[in-house]
PDB file of N, CA and C in Angstrom:
ATOM      1  N   UNK A   1      96.778  94.943 132.605  1.00  0.00           N
ATOM      2  CA  UNK A   1      97.639  95.054 131.449  1.00  0.00           C
ATOM      3  C   UNK A   1      97.086  95.445 130.130  1.00  0.00           C
ATOM      4  N   UNK A   2      97.642  96.233 129.470  1.00  0.00           N
ATOM      5  CA  UNK A   2      97.350  97.055 127.973  1.00  0.00           C
ATOM      6  C   UNK A   2      98.286  96.751 126.911  1.00  0.00           C
ATOM      7  N   UNK A   3      97.470  96.767 125.946  1.00  0.00           N
ATOM      8  CA  UNK A   3      98.234  96.035 125.087  1.00  0.00           C
ATOM      9  C   UNK A   3      98.207  97.417 123.919  1.00  0.00           C
ATOM     10  N   UNK A   4      99.584  98.189 123.383  1.00  0.00           N
ATOM     11  CA  UNK A   4      99.842  98.909 122.573  1.00  0.00           C
ATOM     12  C   UNK A   4      99.766  97.535 121.302  1.00  0.00           C
ATOM     13  N   UNK A   5      98.608  98.618 120.027  1.00  0.00           N
ATOM     14  CA  UNK A   5      98.366  98.110 118.755  1.00  0.00           C
ATOM     15  C   UNK A   5      99.323  99.098 117.732  1.00  0.00           C
ATOM     16  N   UNK A   6     100.386  98.585 117.288  1.00  0.00           N
ATOM     17  CA  UNK A   6     100.909  99.156 116.567  1.00  0.00           C
ATOM     18  C   UNK A   6     100.326  98.602 114.999  1.00  0.00           C
ATOM     19  N   UNK A   7      99.782 100.024 114.150  1.00  0.00           N
ATOM     20  CA  UNK A   7      99.860  99.255 112.485  1.00  0.00           C
ATOM     21  C   UNK A   7     100.756 100.163 111.343  1.00  0.00           C
ATOM     22  N   UNK A   8     101.686  99.084 110.874  1.00  0.00           N
ATOM     23  CA  UNK A   8     102.367  99.720 109.560  1.00  0.00           C
ATOM     24  C   UNK A   8     101.947  99.264 108.450  1.00  0.00           C
ATOM     25  N   UNK A   9     102.998  99.458 107.663  1.00  0.00           N
ATOM     26  CA  UNK A   9     103.287  98.966 106.434  1.00  0.00           C
ATOM     27  C   UNK A   9     104.229  98.898 106.014  1.00  0.00           C
ATOM     28  N   UNK A  10     104.862  97.453 105.392  1.00  0.00           N
ATOM     29  CA  UNK A  10     106.236  97.869 104.413  1.00  0.00           C
ATOM     30  C   UNK A  10     105.927  97.858 102.863  1.00  0.00           C
ATOM     31  N   UNK A  11     106.399  98.972 102.459  1.00  0.00           N
ATOM     32  CA  UNK A  11     106.003  98.976 101.067  1.00  0.00           C
ATOM     33  C   UNK A  11     107.567  98.381 100.246  1.00  0.00           C
ATOM     34  N   UNK A  12     107.479  97.656  99.796  1.00  0.00           N
ATOM     35  CA  UNK A  12     108.661  96.883  98.369  1.00  0.00           C
ATOM     36  C   UNK A  12     107.872  97.166  97.159  1.00  0.00           C
ATOM     37  N   UNK A  13     109.340  96.865  96.674  1.00  0.00           N
ATOM     38  CA  UNK A  13     108.952  96.785  94.771  1.00  0.00           C
ATOM     39  C   UNK A  13     110.375  95.152  94.267  1.00  0.00           C
ATOM     40  N   UNK A  14     109.307  94.625  93.651  1.00  0.00           N
ATOM     41  CA  UNK A  14     110.486  94.024  92.999  1.00  0.00           C
ATOM     42  C   UNK A  14     109.685  93.520  91.641  1.00  0.00           C
ATOM     43  N   UNK A  15     111.008  93.124  90.554  1.00  0.00           N
ATOM     44  CA  UNK A  15     110.379  92.388  89.349  1.00  0.00           C
ATOM     45  C   UNK A  15     110.215  91.395  89.428  1.00  0.00           C
ATOM     46  N   UNK A  16     109.050  90.489  88.828  1.00  0.00           N
ATOM     47  CA  UNK A  16     109.182  89.089  88.887  1.00  0.00           C
ATOM     48  C   UNK A  16     109.997  88.349  87.571  1.00  0.00           C
ATOM     49  N   UNK A  17     111.112  87.736  87.910  1.00  0.00           N
ATOM     50  CA  UNK A  17     112.417  87.373  86.675  1.00  0.00           C
ATOM     51  C   UNK A  17     110.985  86.096  85.975  1.00  0.00           C
ATOM     52  N   UNK A  18     111.261  86.265  84.400  1.00  0.00           N
ATOM     53  CA  UNK A  18     110.981  84.077  83.896  1.00  0.00           C
ATOM     54  C   UNK A  18     112.555  83.394  83.706  1.00  0.00           C
ATOM     55  N   UNK A  19     112.655  82.725  83.176  1.00  0.00           N
ATOM     56  CA  UNK A  19     113.591  81.622  82.770  1.00  0.00           C
ATOM     57  C   UNK A  19     114.577  82.893  82.292  1.00  0.00           C
ATOM     58  N   UNK A  20     114.179  83.439  81.592  1.00  0.00           N
ATOM     59  CA  UNK A  20     115.779  84.425  80.609  1.00  0.00           C
ATOM     60  C   UNK A  20     115.789  85.862  81.505  1.00  0.00           C
ATOM     61  N   UNK A  21     115.443  85.536  83.093  1.00  0.00           N
ATOM     62  CA  UNK A  21     115.806  86.443  83.798  1.00  0.00           C
ATOM     63  C   UNK A  21     115.228  87.885  82.863  1.00  0.00           C
ATOM     64  N   UNK A  22     114.112  88.369  82.228  1.00  0.00           N
ATOM     65  CA  UNK A  22     113.321  89.457  81.672  1.00  0.00           C
ATOM     66  C   UNK A  22     112.404  89.540  82.703  1.00  0.00           C
ATOM     67  N   UNK A  23     112.084  90.458  82.919  1.00  0.00           N
ATOM     68  CA  UNK A  23     110.263  91.271  83.528  1.00  0.00           C
ATOM     69  C   UNK A  23     109.529  90.590  82.480  1.00  0.00           C
ATOM     70  N   UNK A  24     108.726  90.048  83.666  1.00  0.00           N
ATOM     71  CA  UNK A  24     107.077  89.622  82.969  1.00  0.00           C
ATOM     72  C   UNK A  24     106.327  90.735  82.916  1.00  0.00           C
ATOM     73  N   UNK A  25     105.109  90.892  81.984  1.00  0.00           N
ATOM     74  CA  UNK A  25     104.092  92.008  82.024  1.00  0.00           C
ATOM     75  C   UNK A  25     103.323  91.259  83.258  1.00  0.00           C
ATOM     76  N   UNK A  26     102.537  91.672  84.034  1.00  0.00           N
ATOM     77  CA  UNK A  26     101.765  91.118  85.008  1.00  0.00           C
ATOM     78  C   UNK A  26     100.261  91.601  85.098  1.00  0.00           C
ATOM     79  N   UNK A  27     100.394  92.693  84.644  1.00  0.00           N
ATOM     80  CA  UNK A  27      98.997  93.203  83.907  1.00  0.00           C
ATOM     81  C   UNK A  27      98.790  93.798  82.379  1.00  0.00           C
ATOM     82  N   UNK A  28      97.451  93.609  82.116  1.00  0.00           N
ATOM     83  CA  UNK A  28      97.277  94.302  80.830  1.00  0.00           C
ATOM     84  C   UNK A  28      96.784  95.556  80.663  1.00  0.00           C
ATOM     85  N   UNK A  29      96.928  96.527  81.863  1.00  0.00           N
ATOM     86  CA  UNK A  29      96.143  97.364  81.867  1.00  0.00           C
ATOM     87  C   UNK A  29      96.815  98.228  80.685  1.00  0.00           C
ATOM     88  N   UNK A  30      97.352  98.481  80.204  1.00  0.00           N
ATOM     89  CA  UNK A  30      98.181  99.170  78.327  1.00  0.00           C
ATOM     90  C   UNK A  30      97.397  97.979  77.400  1.00  0.00           C
ATOM     91  N   UNK A  31      97.408  97.591  77.410  1.00  0.00           N
ATOM     92  CA  UNK A  31      97.072  96.671  76.325  1.00  0.00           C
ATOM     93  C   UNK A  31      95.237  96.891  76.221  1.00  0.00           C
ATOM     94  N   UNK A  32      94.490  97.097  76.818  1.00  0.00           N
ATOM     95  CA  UNK A  32      92.984  97.145  77.409  1.00  0.00           C
ATOM     96  C   UNK A  32      92.714  98.398  76.788  1.00  0.00           C
ATOM     97  N   UNK A  33      93.966  99.467  77.426  1.00  0.00           N
ATOM     98  CA  UNK A  33      93.787 100.737  76.998  1.00  0.00           C
ATOM     99  C   UNK A  33      93.282 101.266  75.777  1.00  0.00           C
ATOM    100  N   UNK A  34      94.757 100.504  75.331  1.00  0.00           N
ATOM    101  CA  UNK A  34      94.890 100.552  73.817  1.00  0.00           C
ATOM    102  C   UNK A  34      93.729 100.228  72.579  1.00  0.00           C
ATOM    103  N   UNK A  35      93.034  98.440  73.436  1.00  0.00           N
ATOM    104  CA  UNK A  35      91.529  98.193  73.028  1.00  0.00           C
ATOM    105  C   UNK A  35      90.280  98.983  72.971  1.00  0.00           C
ATOM    106  N   UNK A  36      90.915  99.924  74.000  1.00  0.00           N
ATOM    107  CA  UNK A  36      89.189 100.794  74.305  1.00  0.00           C
ATOM    108  C   UNK A  36      89.273 102.322  73.610  1.00  0.00           C
ATOM    109  N   UNK A  37      90.988 102.524  72.691  1.00  0.00           N
ATOM    110  CA  UNK A  37      91.432 103.693  72.344  1.00  0.00           C
ATOM    111  C   UNK A  37      90.649 104.604  73.556  1.00  0.00           C
ATOM    112  N   UNK A  38      91.916 104.002  74.671  1.00  0.00           N
ATOM    113  CA  UNK A  38      91.648 105.434  75.727  1.00  0.00           C
ATOM    114  C   UNK A  38      92.817 105.321  76.716  1.00  0.00           C
ATOM    115  N   UNK A  39      93.567 106.590  77.153  1.00  0.00           N
ATOM    116  CA  UNK A  39      94.876 106.930  76.961  1.00  0.00           C
ATOM    117  C   UNK A  39      95.118 106.821  78.966  1.00  0.00           C
ATOM    118  N   UNK A  40      96.389 106.556  79.367  1.00  0.00           N
ATOM    119  CA  UNK A  40      96.683 106.596  81.009  1.00  0.00           C
ATOM    120  C   UNK A  40      96.140 107.674  81.504  1.00  0.00           C
ATOM    121  N   UNK A  41      96.237 108.824  80.765  1.00  0.00           N
ATOM    122  CA  UNK A  41      95.928 110.569  81.110  1.00  0.00           C
ATOM    123  C   UNK A  41      93.763 110.549  81.388  1.00  0.00           C
ATOM    124  N   UNK A  42      93.399 109.345  80.539  1.00  0.00           N
ATOM    125  CA  UNK A  42      92.039 109.262  80.774  1.00  0.00           C
ATOM    126  C   UNK A  42      91.870 108.336  81.932  1.00  0.00           C
ATOM    127  N   UNK A  43      92.612 107.196  82.281  1.00  0.00           N
ATOM    128  CA  UNK A  43      92.133 106.365  83.078  1.00  0.00           C
ATOM    129  C   UNK A  43      92.685 107.426  84.492  1.00  0.00           C
ATOM    130  N   UNK A  44      93.581 107.870  84.507  1.00  0.00           N
ATOM    131  CA  UNK A  44      94.395 108.714  86.211  1.00  0.00           C
ATOM    132  C   UNK A  44      92.970 109.642  86.327  1.00  0.00           C
ATOM    133  N   UNK A  45      92.153 110.511  85.344  1.00  0.00           N
ATOM    134  CA  UNK A  45      91.211 111.489  86.067  1.00  0.00           C
ATOM    135  C   UNK A  45      90.051 110.445  86.946  1.00  0.00           C
ATOM    136  N   UNK A  46      90.219 109.247  85.713  1.00  0.00           N
ATOM    137  CA  UNK A  46      88.755 108.705  86.069  1.00  0.00           C
ATOM    138  C   UNK A  46      88.517 107.750  87.838  1.00  0.00           C
ATOM    139  N   UNK A  47      89.651 107.557  87.712  1.00  0.00           N
ATOM    140  CA  UNK A  47      89.610 106.991  89.018  1.00  0.00           C
ATOM    141  C   UNK A  47      90.770 107.680  90.173  1.00  0.00           C
ATOM    142  N   UNK A  48      91.105 108.669  90.288  1.00  0.00           N
ATOM    143  CA  UNK A  48      91.584 110.102  90.931  1.00  0.00           C
ATOM    144  C   UNK A  48      93.006 109.220  91.157  1.00  0.00           C
ATOM    145  N   UNK A  49      93.861 108.833  90.605  1.00  0.00           N
ATOM    146  CA  UNK A  49      95.302 108.205  90.680  1.00  0.00           C
ATOM    147  C   UNK A  49      96.230 109.974  89.982  1.00  0.00           C
ATOM    148  N   UNK A  50      97.440 109.552  90.649  1.00  0.00           N
ATOM    149  CA  UNK A  50      98.819 110.202  89.661  1.00  0.00           C
ATOM    150  C   UNK A  50      99.008 109.835  88.487  1.00  0.00           C
ATOM    151  N   UNK A  51      98.794 110.491  87.242  1.00  0.00           N
ATOM    152  CA  UNK A  51      99.108 109.175  85.434  1.00  0.00           C
ATOM    153  C   UNK A  51     100.579 109.230  86.047  1.00  0.00           C
ATOM    154  N   UNK A  52     101.519 109.582  86.807  1.00  0.00           N
ATOM    155  CA  UNK A  52     102.712 109.340  86.616  1.00  0.00           C
ATOM    156  C   UNK A  52     102.409 107.535  87.346  1.00  0.00           C
ATOM    157  N   UNK A  53     101.665 107.168  88.265  1.00  0.00           N
ATOM    158  CA  UNK A  53     101.457 106.068  88.744  1.00  0.00           C
ATOM    159  C   UNK A  53     100.537 104.790  87.840  1.00  0.00           C
ATOM    160  N   UNK A  54      99.612 105.549  87.112  1.00  0.00           N
ATOM    161  CA  UNK A  54      99.114 104.982  85.726  1.00  0.00           C
ATOM    162  C   UNK A  54     100.095 104.532  84.923  1.00  0.00           C
ATOM    163  N   UNK A  55     101.342 105.357  84.862  1.00  0.00           N
ATOM    164  CA  UNK A  55     102.131 104.873  83.595  1.00  0.00           C
ATOM    165  C   UNK A  55     103.420 104.224  84.573  1.00  0.00           C
ATOM    166  N   UNK A  56     103.147 104.091  85.174  1.00  0.00           N
ATOM    167  CA  UNK A  56     104.261 102.437  86.030  1.00  0.00           C
ATOM    168  C   UNK A  56     103.551 101.724  85.632  1.00  0.00           C
ATOM    169  N   UNK A  57     101.542 101.209  86.140  1.00  0.00           N
ATOM    170  CA  UNK A  57     101.115 100.288  85.883  1.00  0.00           C
ATOM    171  C   UNK A  57     101.072  99.807  84.361  1.00  0.00           C
ATOM    172  N   UNK A  58     101.079 100.762  83.638  1.00  0.00           N
ATOM    173  CA  UNK A  58     101.572 100.354  82.453  1.00  0.00           C
ATOM    174  C   UNK A  58     102.417  99.622  81.728  1.00  0.00           C
ATOM    175  N   UNK A  59     103.305 100.179  82.113  1.00  0.00           N
ATOM    176  CA  UNK A  59     104.711  99.609  81.677  1.00  0.00           C
ATOM    177  C   UNK A  59     105.144  98.246  82.476  1.00  0.00           C
ATOM    178  N   UNK A  60     104.616  98.111  83.581  1.00  0.00           N
ATOM    179  CA  UNK A  60     104.581  97.024  84.589  1.00  0.00           C
ATOM    180  C   UNK A  60     105.863  97.253  85.278  1.00  0.00           C
ATOM    181  N   UNK A  61     106.473  98.271  85.349  1.00  0.00           N
ATOM    182  CA  UNK A  61     107.141  98.487  87.024  1.00  0.00           C
ATOM    183  C   UNK A  61     107.007  98.902  87.940  1.00  0.00           C
ATOM    184  N   UNK A  62     105.508  98.776  88.438  1.00  0.00           N
ATOM    185  CA  UNK A  62     104.600  99.052  89.368  1.00  0.00           C
ATOM    186  C   UNK A  62     103.336  98.290  89.484  1.00  0.00           C
ATOM    187  N   UNK A  63     103.371  97.344  90.591  1.00  0.00           N
ATOM    188  CA  UNK A  63     101.571  96.663  90.237  1.00  0.00           C
ATOM    189  C   UNK A  63     100.656  97.142  91.115  1.00  0.00           C
ATOM    190  N   UNK A  64      99.513  97.465  90.437  1.00  0.00           N
ATOM    191  CA  UNK A  64      98.589  97.807  91.344  1.00  0.00           C
ATOM    192  C   UNK A  64      97.812  97.241  92.465  1.00  0.00           C
ATOM    193  N   UNK A  65      97.638  97.897  93.495  1.00  0.00           N
ATOM    194  CA  UNK A  65      96.469  97.088  94.822  1.00  0.00           C
ATOM    195  C   UNK A  65      95.986  96.369  93.956  1.00  0.00           C
ATOM    196  N   UNK A  66      94.962  95.370  94.602  1.00  0.00           N
ATOM    197  CA  UNK A  66      93.757  94.684  94.163  1.00  0.00           C
ATOM    198  C   UNK A  66      92.489  95.911  93.816  1.00  0.00           C
ATOM    199  N   UNK A  67      92.113  96.535  95.282  1.00  0.00           N
ATOM    200  CA  UNK A  67      91.033  97.852  95.502  1.00  0.00           C
ATOM    201  C   UNK A  67      91.868  98.335  93.624  1.00  0.00           C
ATOM    202  N   UNK A  68      92.632  99.187  93.573  1.00  0.00           N
ATOM    203  CA  UNK A  68      93.111  99.502  92.721  1.00  0.00           C
ATOM    204  C   UNK A  68      93.026  98.752  90.924  1.00  0.00           C
ATOM    205  N   UNK A  69      93.419  97.482  91.181  1.00  0.00           N
ATOM    206  CA  UNK A  69      92.707  96.626  89.973  1.00  0.00           C
ATOM    207  C   UNK A  69      91.579  96.750  89.396  1.00  0.00           C
ATOM    208  N   UNK A  70      90.820  96.565  90.614  1.00  0.00           N
ATOM    209  CA  UNK A  70      88.672  96.756  90.569  1.00  0.00           C
ATOM    210  C   UNK A  70      88.304  98.285  90.162  1.00  0.00           C
ATOM    211  N   UNK A  71      88.924  98.967  90.777  1.00  0.00           N
ATOM    212  CA  UNK A  71      88.527 100.455  90.003  1.00  0.00           C
ATOM    213  C   UNK A  71      88.749 101.024  88.725  1.00  0.00           C
ATOM    214  N   UNK A  72      90.045 100.233  87.994  1.00  0.00           N
ATOM    215  CA  UNK A  72      90.217 100.137  86.765  1.00  0.00           C
ATOM    216  C   UNK A  72      89.249  99.574  86.092  1.00  0.00           C
ATOM    217  N   UNK A  73      89.753  98.101  86.722  1.00  0.00           N
ATOM    218  CA  UNK A  73      88.420  97.149  85.907  1.00  0.00           C
ATOM    219  C   UNK A  73      86.887  98.012  85.549  1.00  0.00           C
ATOM    220  N   UNK A  74      86.350  99.154  86.579  1.00  0.00           N
ATOM    221  CA  UNK A  74      84.866  99.492  86.855  1.00  0.00           C
ATOM    222  C   UNK A  74      85.731 100.242  85.622  1.00  0.00           C
ATOM    223  N   UNK A  75      86.361 101.372  86.068  1.00  0.00           N
ATOM    224  CA  UNK A  75      86.748 102.396  84.528  1.00  0.00           C
ATOM    225  C   UNK A  75      86.605 101.777  83.266  1.00  0.00           C
ATOM    226  N   UNK A  76      87.336 100.482  83.312  1.00  0.00           N
ATOM    227  CA  UNK A  76      86.439 100.473  81.588  1.00  0.00           C
ATOM    228  C   UNK A  76      85.558  99.331  81.509  1.00  0.00           C
ATOM    229  N   UNK A  77      84.926  99.420  82.563  1.00  0.00           N
ATOM    230  CA  UNK A  77      83.444  98.450  82.501  1.00  0.00           C
ATOM    231  C   UNK A  77      84.389  96.786  81.805  1.00  0.00           C
ATOM    232  N   UNK A  78      85.320  96.295  82.461  1.00  0.00           N
ATOM    233  CA  UNK A  78      85.202  94.829  82.031  1.00  0.00           C
ATOM    234  C   UNK A  78      85.975  94.093  83.425  1.00  0.00           C
ATOM    235  N   UNK A  79      85.536  92.878  83.615  1.00  0.00           N
ATOM    236  CA  UNK A  79      85.983  91.858  84.589  1.00  0.00           C
ATOM    237  C   UNK A  79      87.388  92.545  84.792  1.00  0.00           C
ATOM    238  N   UNK A  80      87.713  91.803  86.037  1.00  0.00           N
ATOM    239  CA  UNK A  80      89.067  92.502  86.611  1.00  0.00           C
ATOM    240  C   UNK A  80      90.018  91.830  85.942  1.00  0.00           C
ATOM    241  N   UNK A  81      89.334  90.437  85.537  1.00  0.00           N
ATOM    242  CA  UNK A  81      90.248  89.280  85.335  1.00  0.00           C
ATOM    243  C   UNK A  81      91.099  89.177  83.835  1.00  0.00           C
ATOM    244  N   UNK A  82      90.112  90.217  82.916  1.00  0.00           N
ATOM    245  CA  UNK A  82      90.754  91.098  81.786  1.00  0.00           C
ATOM    246  C   UNK A  82      92.108  91.674  81.953  1.00  0.00           C
ATOM    247  N   UNK A  83      92.127  92.276  83.208  1.00  0.00           N
ATOM    248  CA  UNK A  83      93.368  93.064  83.288  1.00  0.00           C
ATOM    249  C   UNK A  83      94.556  91.750  83.817  1.00  0.00           C
ATOM    250  N   UNK A  84      94.523  90.821  83.861  1.00  0.00           N
ATOM    251  CA  UNK A  84      95.509  90.884  84.415  1.00  0.00           C
ATOM    252  C   UNK A  84      96.183  89.338  83.281  1.00  0.00           C
ATOM    253  N   UNK A  85      97.568  88.675  83.595  1.00  0.00           N
ATOM    254  CA  UNK A  85      97.808  87.890  82.664  1.00  0.00           C
ATOM    255  C   UNK A  85      97.878  86.687  82.708  1.00  0.00           C
ATOM    256  N   UNK A  86      97.478  86.022  82.324  1.00  0.00           N
ATOM    257  CA  UNK A  86      97.031  84.505  82.580  1.00  0.00           C
ATOM    258  C   UNK A  86      98.634  83.667  83.319  1.00  0.00           C
ATOM    259  N   UNK A  87      98.896  83.001  83.662  1.00  0.00           N
ATOM    260  CA  UNK A  87     100.415  82.454  83.872  1.00  0.00           C
ATOM    261  C   UNK A  87      99.795  80.963  84.802  1.00  0.00           C
ATOM    262  N   UNK A  88     101.039  80.213  84.848  1.00  0.00           N
ATOM    263  CA  UNK A  88     101.076  78.991  85.568  1.00  0.00           C
ATOM    264  C   UNK A  88     101.917  78.807  86.942  1.00  0.00           C
ATOM    265  N   UNK A  89     101.766  78.771  88.146  1.00  0.00           N
ATOM    266  CA  UNK A  89     102.970  78.860  88.706  1.00  0.00           C
ATOM    267  C   UNK A  89     102.738  77.509  88.977  1.00  0.00           C
ATOM    268  N   UNK A  90     104.908  77.018  89.168  1.00  0.00           N
ATOM    269  CA  UNK A  90     104.988  75.710  89.231  1.00  0.00           C
ATOM    270  C   UNK A  90     105.281  74.921  90.060  1.00  0.00           C
TER     271      UNK A  90
END
């Protein structure tokens, strides 16, 4: 008996809503770029990503994959935890 291994991924996007039903900011990429006087275009070049993707991350319309978050932190020379908004999950 042989088995067929199937690899697939499902991509979906959603907005996490707070009690007021507004979109939450989950990452601080835009804030850290501003603190360091760097642009999203600079970041896109540094980590070889499409500038539109970086823009969506900065607007919190889309969240970076974990490995991309580490790339961002490395490019900005900061701890990856500085890119995340602290939250308390009930």
